[in-house]
Amino acid sequence: MDVNGLITKVTWKIEVLSDVGSTSKSMGLNGQVTKVTWRIENFSSIKAKTLCSENFTVDGSKWQLRIYPEGNNEDFLSTYLVVADSATLASGWTRYAHYGFAVIDQFDRENSKTLASKKEFNAIRPSRGFNLLPLTELHNPKRGYLLNDACLVEAYVFTGRTVDMISHEFIVKTDLDKRKTKEGDCVKAAIGNQKTTTTKPVEIINPSPTLVTEADMNTFFTSLESELSNSRIVYSKEEAKEALAKINEALNMTPVDLNDSGKFCPLKQAFMILASFDGSSTTLTIKQMNELLGLEERLKELTNRAAKAVQDKNQLTAKESIKRTMTRSLESSLIRYKEVETEVKQVDQILAALHEEVVEAQKKREKMLAERNGIYKSCKEIKMKLDALGKEWAVYEATARVGEEEEKSVEAEWGRIKDFISSINGKI
């Protein structure tokens, strides 16, 4: 993936836990738990809203992972498990799964952020997930969630119905072998720096490349601890002072900073040196030695509690940010509601005025329709009379011609009578 000239490298690893070491066997799994490890480099440069994994199969079912690097509408790194082939499944399909996600603290795996659940997936809810980690916590440089800008996300899927199969303890223990190997390297480094009273050549034999189990490792480290205890290593006063300086340096840090520093491995060795130191003027009591040997675990417990307290406080801060955003949204919606309410009243007034105009127009229309009907009836009557008159017109024309001839005859007779009277007038 090319983002702003940077290559965002995504590395996938899919494992069936019963096939990778003895952790799953010790926890009684039956081979159906699938672990997906997703390493994303140049994480801060990602601009995409969603990252989708390739499809993977668990017990014959296809699944997919989705990550929202900047959150899914909230300021959290969001992770989802999705039924990959939901669009092609038959109507009414369902799937059940235990699933868990983890953002790994690469300083101390036990401080990783984990969430797990068990849900039914169906056509309405083909995806399930979590707002896993506040973005402020994810990008905190004092934590190990982004180490060299690389984020390590793990997902666990189990399709059986065993109760509470996936948990924080389960997720942490799946990588126990690697953590123990790392702690063993720290012990070996510390031993290499120790000053002993006698030395002798040791022949190193490279073991054959066989599969190392958790039981083998536990046996090895138990034997190593016994050998170191029986060797009665004598520590110098300078070594004791150096160990004490390391402890004081750690105690001068805040519990949260110590938790983020990854310095517990050197501290463990420092406490062991102080507890074993035997100077003529500084011999410790058995009670003090036992207390020193237990301080490393006690400090680790306190730093974990402090880190959890900070996480809880940061979660409240994130929730306060969400609360402020939602409150602003409500205030904005309330203002808009009042504006819309005013606009509705204005439109109602316009509609009322238009309604009056419509009523008047309807009355005018009814009056005009009545007038039109009257004109129609009058015209129809006149037309009927005109048609009747047309049928009698020839008779009227013939009668008129007769009358015209009669008029001419009367006028002629009238003229003769008039001439006769005039002739008489001349004789009288």
Protein backbone atom coordinates (compact mmCIF):
# COMPACT_ATOMS: atom_id res chain seq x y z
CA MET A 1 0.00 0.00 0.00
CA ASP A 2 1.52 3.36 -1.09
CA VAL A 3 0.53 6.27 1.19
CA ASN A 4 2.06 9.72 0.54
CA GLY A 5 5.23 8.14 -0.76
CA LEU A 6 5.51 5.76 2.21
CA ILE A 7 5.01 2.03 1.89
CA THR A 8 2.52 0.78 4.46
CA LYS A 9 3.62 -2.83 4.85
CA VAL A 10 1.01 -5.29 6.07
CA THR A 11 2.18 -8.71 7.25
CA TRP A 12 -0.28 -11.56 7.83
CA LYS A 13 0.09 -14.73 9.84
CA ILE A 14 -2.73 -17.25 10.37
CA GLU A 15 -2.32 -20.10 12.89
CA VAL A 16 -4.46 -22.88 14.32
CA LEU A 17 -3.46 -22.77 17.98
CA SER A 18 -3.48 -26.52 18.55
CA ASP A 19 -0.80 -26.73 15.85
CA VAL A 20 1.57 -24.07 17.19
CA GLY A 21 3.20 -25.09 20.47
CA SER A 22 1.68 -26.47 23.62
CA THR A 23 -0.26 -23.45 24.89
CA SER A 24 -3.54 -24.53 23.35
CA LYS A 25 -3.10 -28.10 24.61
CA SER A 26 -2.47 -26.89 28.16
CA MET A 27 -5.68 -24.86 28.00
CA GLY A 28 -7.76 -27.72 26.64
CA LEU A 29 -8.49 -26.44 23.13
CA ASN A 30 -9.67 -28.72 20.38
CA GLY A 31 -7.95 -27.19 17.37
CA GLN A 32 -10.75 -24.86 16.25
CA VAL A 33 -9.24 -21.61 17.57
CA THR A 34 -7.64 -19.61 14.78
CA LYS A 35 -5.21 -16.81 15.56
CA VAL A 36 -4.65 -14.05 13.00
CA THR A 37 -1.66 -11.77 13.55
CA TRP A 38 -1.79 -8.48 11.61
CA ARG A 39 1.38 -6.34 11.66
CA ILE A 40 0.92 -2.91 10.07
CA GLU A 41 3.99 -0.73 9.52
CA ASN A 42 3.98 3.07 8.90
CA PHE A 43 0.67 3.02 10.74
CA SER A 44 0.49 6.78 11.33
CA SER A 45 0.69 7.47 7.58
CA ILE A 46 -2.48 5.53 6.76
CA LYS A 47 -5.22 7.76 5.33
CA ALA A 48 -7.73 5.04 4.44
CA LYS A 49 -10.78 4.89 6.70
CA THR A 50 -10.90 1.08 6.65
CA LEU A 51 -8.35 -1.71 6.29
CA CYS A 52 -9.76 -5.09 5.24
CA SER A 53 -7.98 -8.39 5.57
CA GLU A 54 -7.97 -11.25 3.15
CA ASN A 55 -10.59 -13.93 3.77
CA PHE A 56 -9.61 -16.79 6.09
CA THR A 57 -11.44 -19.99 7.00
CA VAL A 58 -12.35 -21.26 10.47
CA ASP A 59 -14.05 -24.66 10.66
CA GLY A 60 -15.27 -24.34 7.06
CA SER A 61 -16.66 -20.79 7.45
CA LYS A 62 -15.17 -17.76 5.71
CA TRP A 63 -14.32 -14.67 7.78
CA GLN A 64 -12.67 -11.31 7.32
CA LEU A 65 -11.19 -8.69 9.66
CA ARG A 66 -11.73 -4.94 9.37
CA ILE A 67 -9.79 -2.21 11.16
CA TYR A 68 -10.69 1.48 11.37
CA PRO A 69 -7.29 3.19 12.08
CA GLU A 70 -8.95 6.52 12.91
CA GLY A 71 -12.07 5.00 14.50
CA ASN A 72 -15.57 4.24 13.30
CA ASN A 73 -17.25 7.61 14.07
CA GLU A 74 -15.53 7.60 17.50
CA ASP A 75 -11.99 8.37 18.69
CA PHE A 76 -11.08 4.70 19.11
CA LEU A 77 -9.15 2.14 17.10
CA SER A 78 -12.08 -0.03 15.99
CA THR A 79 -11.86 -3.72 15.05
CA TYR A 80 -14.53 -5.96 13.52
CA LEU A 81 -14.99 -9.62 12.64
CA VAL A 82 -17.08 -10.00 9.46
CA VAL A 83 -18.77 -12.96 7.77
CA ALA A 84 -16.92 -12.73 4.46
CA ASP A 85 -19.48 -14.48 2.24
CA SER A 86 -22.68 -13.11 3.84
CA ALA A 87 -23.97 -11.79 0.51
CA THR A 88 -24.01 -15.28 -1.02
CA LEU A 89 -25.46 -17.25 1.92
CA ALA A 90 -29.01 -18.60 1.94
CA SER A 91 -31.81 -16.61 3.54
CA GLY A 92 -32.05 -17.03 7.31
CA TRP A 93 -28.40 -18.06 7.79
CA THR A 94 -26.72 -17.76 11.21
CA ARG A 95 -23.22 -18.33 12.56
CA TYR A 96 -21.98 -18.41 16.14
CA ALA A 97 -18.47 -17.50 17.20
CA HIS A 98 -16.29 -16.63 20.16
CA TYR A 99 -13.94 -13.86 19.04
CA GLY A 100 -11.35 -11.60 20.60
CA PHE A 101 -9.10 -8.76 19.52
CA ALA A 102 -5.86 -7.46 20.99
CA VAL A 103 -3.65 -4.44 20.36
CA ILE A 104 -0.30 -5.70 21.58
CA ASP A 105 1.83 -3.63 23.95
CA GLN A 106 5.21 -4.47 22.43
CA PHE A 107 7.00 -3.44 25.63
CA ASP A 108 5.04 -5.81 27.86
CA ARG A 109 2.52 -8.19 26.35
CA GLU A 110 0.62 -8.49 29.63
CA ASN A 111 -0.35 -4.81 29.28
CA SER A 112 -1.93 -5.40 25.87
CA LYS A 113 -5.45 -4.09 25.35
CA THR A 114 -7.83 -7.01 24.78
CA LEU A 115 -11.58 -7.46 24.37
CA ALA A 116 -13.53 -10.65 23.71
CA SER A 117 -17.14 -11.68 23.23
CA LYS A 118 -19.38 -14.45 21.92
CA LYS A 119 -22.17 -13.53 19.51
CA GLU A 120 -24.46 -14.86 16.81
CA PHE A 121 -23.90 -13.50 13.30
CA ASN A 122 -26.78 -13.27 10.83
CA ALA A 123 -27.99 -11.37 7.75
CA ILE A 124 -28.97 -8.37 9.88
CA ARG A 125 -25.70 -8.36 11.85
CA PRO A 126 -23.01 -9.89 9.61
CA SER A 127 -20.24 -8.06 11.50
CA ARG A 128 -19.36 -7.68 15.19
CA GLY A 129 -16.58 -5.75 16.85
CA PHE A 130 -15.27 -3.30 19.41
CA ASN A 131 -14.04 0.22 19.94
CA LEU A 132 -10.84 -1.39 21.17
CA LEU A 133 -8.43 1.36 22.21
CA PRO A 134 -8.67 5.17 22.55
CA LEU A 135 -6.62 6.87 19.83
CA THR A 136 -4.90 9.01 22.46
CA GLU A 137 -3.68 5.83 24.15
CA LEU A 138 -2.74 4.19 20.84
CA HIS A 139 -0.50 7.11 19.83
CA ASN A 140 0.98 7.61 23.31
CA PRO A 141 4.76 7.30 22.75
CA LYS A 142 5.20 5.99 26.30
CA ARG A 143 3.17 2.90 25.49
CA GLY A 144 4.20 0.08 23.21
CA TYR A 145 1.14 -0.01 20.94
CA LEU A 146 3.00 1.80 18.13
CA LEU A 147 6.63 0.70 18.29
CA ASN A 148 8.65 2.26 15.45
CA ASP A 149 5.23 3.23 14.03
CA ALA A 150 4.29 -0.47 13.68
CA CYS A 151 0.99 -1.68 15.14
CA LEU A 152 0.47 -5.33 16.05
CA VAL A 153 -3.15 -6.49 16.08
CA GLU A 154 -4.24 -10.03 16.91
CA ALA A 155 -7.63 -11.65 16.35
CA TYR A 156 -8.90 -14.97 17.73
CA VAL A 157 -11.90 -16.86 16.32
CA PHE A 158 -13.49 -20.01 17.74
CA THR A 159 -16.68 -21.46 16.22
CA GLY A 160 -17.60 -23.89 18.99
CA ARG A 161 -19.96 -23.07 21.86
CA THR A 162 -17.54 -23.55 24.77
CA VAL A 163 -18.27 -20.89 27.39
CA ASP A 164 -15.73 -18.06 27.81
CA MET A 165 -13.13 -19.68 25.59
CA ILE A 166 -11.31 -16.47 24.61
CA SER A 167 -10.19 -14.08 27.37
CA HIS A 168 -7.38 -11.65 28.23
CA GLU A 169 -5.47 -14.45 29.97
CA PHE A 170 -5.90 -16.74 26.99
CA ILE A 171 -4.67 -14.08 24.54
CA VAL A 172 -1.64 -13.23 26.69
CA LYS A 173 -0.71 -16.91 27.22
CA THR A 174 -0.76 -17.74 23.50
CA ASP A 175 2.59 -15.95 23.22
CA LEU A 176 4.01 -17.22 26.51
CA ASP A 177 6.82 -19.18 24.87
CA LYS A 178 8.16 -16.12 23.12
CA ARG A 179 7.99 -14.03 26.29
CA LYS A 180 9.84 -16.67 28.30
CA THR A 181 12.53 -16.89 25.64
CA LYS A 182 12.96 -13.11 25.83
CA GLU A 183 13.23 -13.21 29.63
CA GLY A 184 15.77 -16.04 29.30
CA ASP A 185 17.88 -13.85 27.00
CA CYS A 186 17.82 -11.10 29.66
CA VAL A 187 18.97 -13.57 32.35
CA LYS A 188 21.74 -14.89 30.11
CA ALA A 189 22.93 -11.32 29.41
CA ALA A 190 22.96 -10.56 33.14
CA ILE A 191 24.90 -13.73 33.89
CA GLY A 192 27.46 -12.79 31.24
CA ASN A 193 28.13 -9.51 33.09
CA GLN A 194 28.51 -11.11 36.52
CA LYS A 195 31.92 -11.48 38.23
CA THR A 196 32.52 -14.91 39.75
CA THR A 197 35.32 -16.19 41.95
CA THR A 198 36.32 -19.01 39.59
CA THR A 199 35.99 -19.63 35.89
CA LYS A 200 36.66 -22.65 33.75
CA PRO A 201 36.28 -23.42 30.06
CA VAL A 202 32.85 -24.63 29.06
CA GLU A 203 32.20 -26.64 25.95
CA ILE A 204 29.13 -25.36 24.11
CA ILE A 205 27.23 -27.97 22.15
CA ASN A 206 24.67 -26.71 19.67
CA PRO A 207 21.39 -28.58 20.15
CA SER A 208 19.80 -30.35 17.24
CA PRO A 209 16.95 -28.40 15.60
CA THR A 210 14.00 -30.07 17.34
CA LEU A 211 10.61 -28.63 18.31
CA VAL A 212 10.86 -27.01 21.76
CA THR A 213 7.72 -27.30 23.87
CA GLU A 214 6.58 -25.18 26.79
CA ALA A 215 7.30 -28.09 29.14
CA ASP A 216 10.90 -28.25 27.82
CA MET A 217 11.36 -24.55 28.43
CA ASN A 218 9.90 -24.72 31.94
CA THR A 219 12.24 -27.62 32.76
CA PHE A 220 15.23 -25.73 31.37
CA PHE A 221 14.58 -22.53 33.30
CA THR A 222 13.81 -24.42 36.54
CA SER A 223 17.11 -26.29 36.18
CA LEU A 224 18.93 -23.03 35.35
CA GLU A 225 17.48 -21.35 38.44
CA SER A 226 18.58 -24.26 40.59
CA GLU A 227 22.11 -24.21 39.15
CA LEU A 228 22.43 -20.46 39.66
CA SER A 229 21.16 -20.82 43.23
CA ASN A 230 23.64 -23.62 44.03
CA SER A 231 26.60 -21.84 42.42
CA ARG A 232 26.60 -19.30 45.27
CA ILE A 233 27.80 -16.47 43.04
CA VAL A 234 29.67 -13.84 45.05
CA TYR A 235 28.75 -10.29 44.02
CA SER A 236 31.16 -7.43 44.61
CA LYS A 237 30.28 -4.26 46.45
CA GLU A 238 30.45 -2.34 43.15
CA GLU A 239 27.90 -4.70 41.63
CA ALA A 240 25.63 -4.24 44.63
CA LYS A 241 25.96 -0.45 44.34
CA GLU A 242 25.22 -0.64 40.61
CA ALA A 243 22.15 -2.80 41.28
CA LEU A 244 21.00 -0.38 43.98
CA ALA A 245 21.50 2.54 41.56
CA LYS A 246 19.30 0.77 38.98
CA ILE A 247 16.59 0.25 41.59
CA ASN A 248 16.78 3.88 42.75
CA GLU A 249 16.63 5.03 39.13
CA ALA A 250 13.48 2.97 38.63
CA LEU A 251 11.91 4.22 41.87
CA ASN A 252 12.61 7.83 40.85
CA MET A 253 10.36 7.25 37.85
CA THR A 254 6.60 7.42 38.11
CA PRO A 255 4.84 4.02 38.18
CA VAL A 256 3.37 4.71 34.71
CA ASP A 257 6.75 5.69 33.21
CA LEU A 258 8.35 2.58 34.73
CA ASN A 259 5.58 0.45 33.28
CA ASP A 260 6.22 1.99 29.85
CA SER A 261 10.01 1.72 30.03
CA GLY A 262 10.34 -2.08 29.79
CA LYS A 263 13.01 -2.14 32.56
CA PHE A 264 11.58 -4.96 34.65
CA CYS A 265 14.06 -7.52 33.34
CA PRO A 266 17.15 -5.55 34.63
CA LEU A 267 15.29 -4.79 37.87
CA LYS A 268 14.72 -8.46 38.53
CA GLN A 269 18.48 -9.09 38.28
CA ALA A 270 19.23 -6.05 40.46
CA PHE A 271 16.93 -7.29 43.25
CA MET A 272 18.56 -10.73 43.01
CA ILE A 273 22.06 -9.18 43.35
CA LEU A 274 21.06 -7.13 46.40
CA ALA A 275 19.34 -10.09 48.05
CA SER A 276 22.42 -12.26 47.47
CA PHE A 277 25.06 -9.65 48.42
CA ASP A 278 26.99 -10.63 51.54
CA GLY A 279 29.22 -7.80 52.75
CA SER A 280 30.69 -7.73 56.24
CA SER A 281 28.94 -4.48 57.08
CA THR A 282 25.80 -4.89 54.96
CA THR A 283 24.55 -8.38 55.67
CA LEU A 284 20.77 -8.46 55.23
CA THR A 285 18.32 -10.30 57.41
CA ILE A 286 16.33 -13.18 56.01
CA LYS A 287 13.21 -10.98 56.16
CA GLN A 288 14.97 -8.20 54.18
CA MET A 289 16.24 -10.69 51.59
CA ASN A 290 12.78 -12.17 51.13
CA GLU A 291 11.30 -8.70 50.87
CA LEU A 292 13.86 -7.72 48.22
CA LEU A 293 13.12 -10.85 46.19
CA GLY A 294 9.39 -10.03 46.28
CA LEU A 295 9.75 -6.34 45.44
CA GLU A 296 10.07 -6.93 41.68
CA GLU A 297 6.65 -8.58 41.50
CA ARG A 298 5.22 -5.97 43.86
CA LEU A 299 6.53 -3.10 41.72
CA LYS A 300 5.21 -4.80 38.61
CA GLU A 301 1.80 -5.10 40.24
CA LEU A 302 1.86 -1.41 41.26
CA THR A 303 2.91 -0.22 37.80
CA ASN A 304 0.20 -2.34 36.20
CA ARG A 305 -2.35 -0.81 38.55
CA ALA A 306 -1.03 2.69 37.75
CA ALA A 307 -1.18 2.01 34.02
CA LYS A 308 -4.73 0.70 34.40
CA ALA A 309 -5.66 3.83 36.38
CA VAL A 310 -4.21 6.07 33.65
CA GLN A 311 -6.04 4.03 31.03
CA ASP A 312 -9.28 4.47 32.95
CA LYS A 313 -8.65 8.22 33.22
CA ASN A 314 -7.84 8.43 29.51
CA GLN A 315 -11.01 6.51 28.78
CA LEU A 316 -12.95 9.11 30.77
CA THR A 317 -11.20 11.86 28.81
CA ALA A 318 -12.16 10.15 25.57
CA LYS A 319 -15.75 9.76 26.79
CA GLU A 320 -15.79 13.45 27.78
CA SER A 321 -14.70 14.33 24.25
CA ILE A 322 -17.47 12.15 22.86
CA LYS A 323 -19.92 13.73 25.31
CA ARG A 324 -18.90 17.24 24.23
CA THR A 325 -19.27 16.29 20.57
CA MET A 326 -22.72 14.79 21.17
CA THR A 327 -23.78 17.80 23.26
CA ARG A 328 -22.70 20.19 20.51
CA SER A 329 -24.60 18.06 18.04
CA LEU A 330 -27.72 18.22 20.22
CA GLU A 331 -27.40 21.99 20.61
CA SER A 332 -27.00 22.40 16.86
CA SER A 333 -29.99 20.12 16.26
CA LEU A 334 -32.09 22.10 18.77
CA ILE A 335 -31.26 25.38 17.00
CA ARG A 336 -32.13 23.88 13.64
CA TYR A 337 -35.34 22.43 15.12
CA LYS A 338 -36.47 25.89 16.19
CA GLU A 339 -35.57 27.32 12.77
CA VAL A 340 -37.53 24.58 11.03
CA GLU A 341 -40.46 25.09 13.41
CA THR A 342 -40.58 28.81 12.45
CA GLU A 343 -40.32 27.94 8.76
CA VAL A 344 -43.18 25.44 9.14
CA LYS A 345 -45.38 28.13 10.70
CA GLN A 346 -44.57 30.48 7.83
CA VAL A 347 -45.44 27.81 5.30
CA ASP A 348 -48.65 27.08 7.20
CA GLN A 349 -49.60 30.77 6.92
CA ILE A 350 -48.89 30.71 3.19
CA LEU A 351 -50.97 27.57 2.84
CA ALA A 352 -53.83 29.18 4.80
CA ALA A 353 -53.78 32.26 2.51
CA LEU A 354 -53.61 30.03 -0.53
CA HIS A 355 -56.50 28.00 0.87
CA GLU A 356 -58.67 31.14 1.04
CA GLU A 357 -57.74 32.00 -2.53
CA VAL A 358 -58.55 28.44 -3.57
CA VAL A 359 -61.98 28.68 -1.88
CA GLU A 360 -62.74 31.98 -3.64
CA ALA A 361 -61.50 30.56 -6.92
CA GLN A 362 -63.72 27.49 -6.45
CA LYS A 363 -66.75 29.72 -5.84
CA LYS A 364 -65.94 31.81 -8.92
CA ARG A 365 -65.49 28.63 -10.91
CA GLU A 366 -68.86 27.27 -9.78
CA LYS A 367 -70.53 30.58 -10.75
CA MET A 368 -68.85 30.55 -14.16
CA LEU A 369 -69.84 26.90 -14.66
CA ALA A 370 -73.47 27.81 -13.85
CA GLU A 371 -73.33 30.71 -16.32
CA ARG A 372 -71.81 28.43 -18.92
CA ASN A 373 -74.59 25.90 -18.42
CA GLY A 374 -77.16 28.70 -18.80
CA ILE A 375 -75.57 29.89 -22.04
CA TYR A 376 -75.50 26.33 -23.27
CA LYS A 377 -79.19 25.81 -22.59
CA SER A 378 -80.17 29.17 -24.16
CA CYS A 379 -78.09 28.50 -27.23
CA LYS A 380 -79.55 25.03 -27.54
CA GLU A 381 -83.11 26.43 -27.42
CA ILE A 382 -82.33 29.12 -30.00
CA LYS A 383 -80.69 26.51 -32.23
CA MET A 384 -83.77 24.30 -32.01
CA LYS A 385 -86.00 27.23 -32.97
CA LEU A 386 -83.62 28.18 -35.76
CA ASP A 387 -83.66 24.61 -37.07
CA ALA A 388 -87.49 24.63 -36.99
CA LEU A 389 -87.56 27.98 -38.77
CA GLY A 390 -85.23 26.61 -41.40
CA LYS A 391 -87.59 23.77 -42.11
CA GLU A 392 -90.54 26.29 -42.72
CA TRP A 393 -88.44 28.83 -44.59
CA ALA A 394 -89.53 27.70 -48.09
CA VAL A 395 -93.21 28.20 -47.15
CA TYR A 396 -92.46 31.65 -45.81
CA GLU A 397 -90.55 32.54 -49.01
CA ALA A 398 -93.47 31.34 -51.21
CA THR A 399 -95.98 33.26 -49.08
CA ALA A 400 -93.79 36.35 -49.34
CA ARG A 401 -93.70 36.13 -53.15
CA VAL A 402 -97.47 35.83 -53.24
CA GLY A 403 -97.75 38.77 -50.90
CA GLU A 404 -95.41 40.81 -53.10
CA GLU A 405 -97.55 40.10 -56.18
CA GLU A 406 -100.66 40.91 -54.18
CA GLU A 407 -99.08 44.16 -53.04
CA LYS A 408 -98.30 45.12 -56.62
CA SER A 409 -101.86 44.31 -57.67
CA VAL A 410 -103.27 46.37 -54.82
CA GLU A 411 -101.00 49.28 -55.70
CA ALA A 412 -102.11 49.12 -59.35
CA GLU A 413 -105.78 49.07 -58.38
CA TRP A 414 -105.11 51.80 -55.85
CA GLY A 415 -103.60 53.93 -58.62
CA ARG A 416 -106.57 53.47 -60.92
CA ILE A 417 -108.96 54.51 -58.18
CA LYS A 418 -106.86 57.52 -57.46
CA ASP A 419 -106.79 58.48 -61.16
CA PHE A 420 -110.58 58.09 -61.36
CA ILE A 421 -111.19 60.38 -58.46
CA SER A 422 -108.83 62.90 -59.90
CA SER A 423 -110.82 62.92 -63.20
CA ILE A 424 -114.04 63.58 -61.34
CA ASN A 425 -112.46 66.49 -59.44
CA GLY A 426 -111.88 68.31 -62.71
CA LYS A 427 -115.56 68.09 -63.75
CA ILE A 428 -117.08 69.24 -60.58
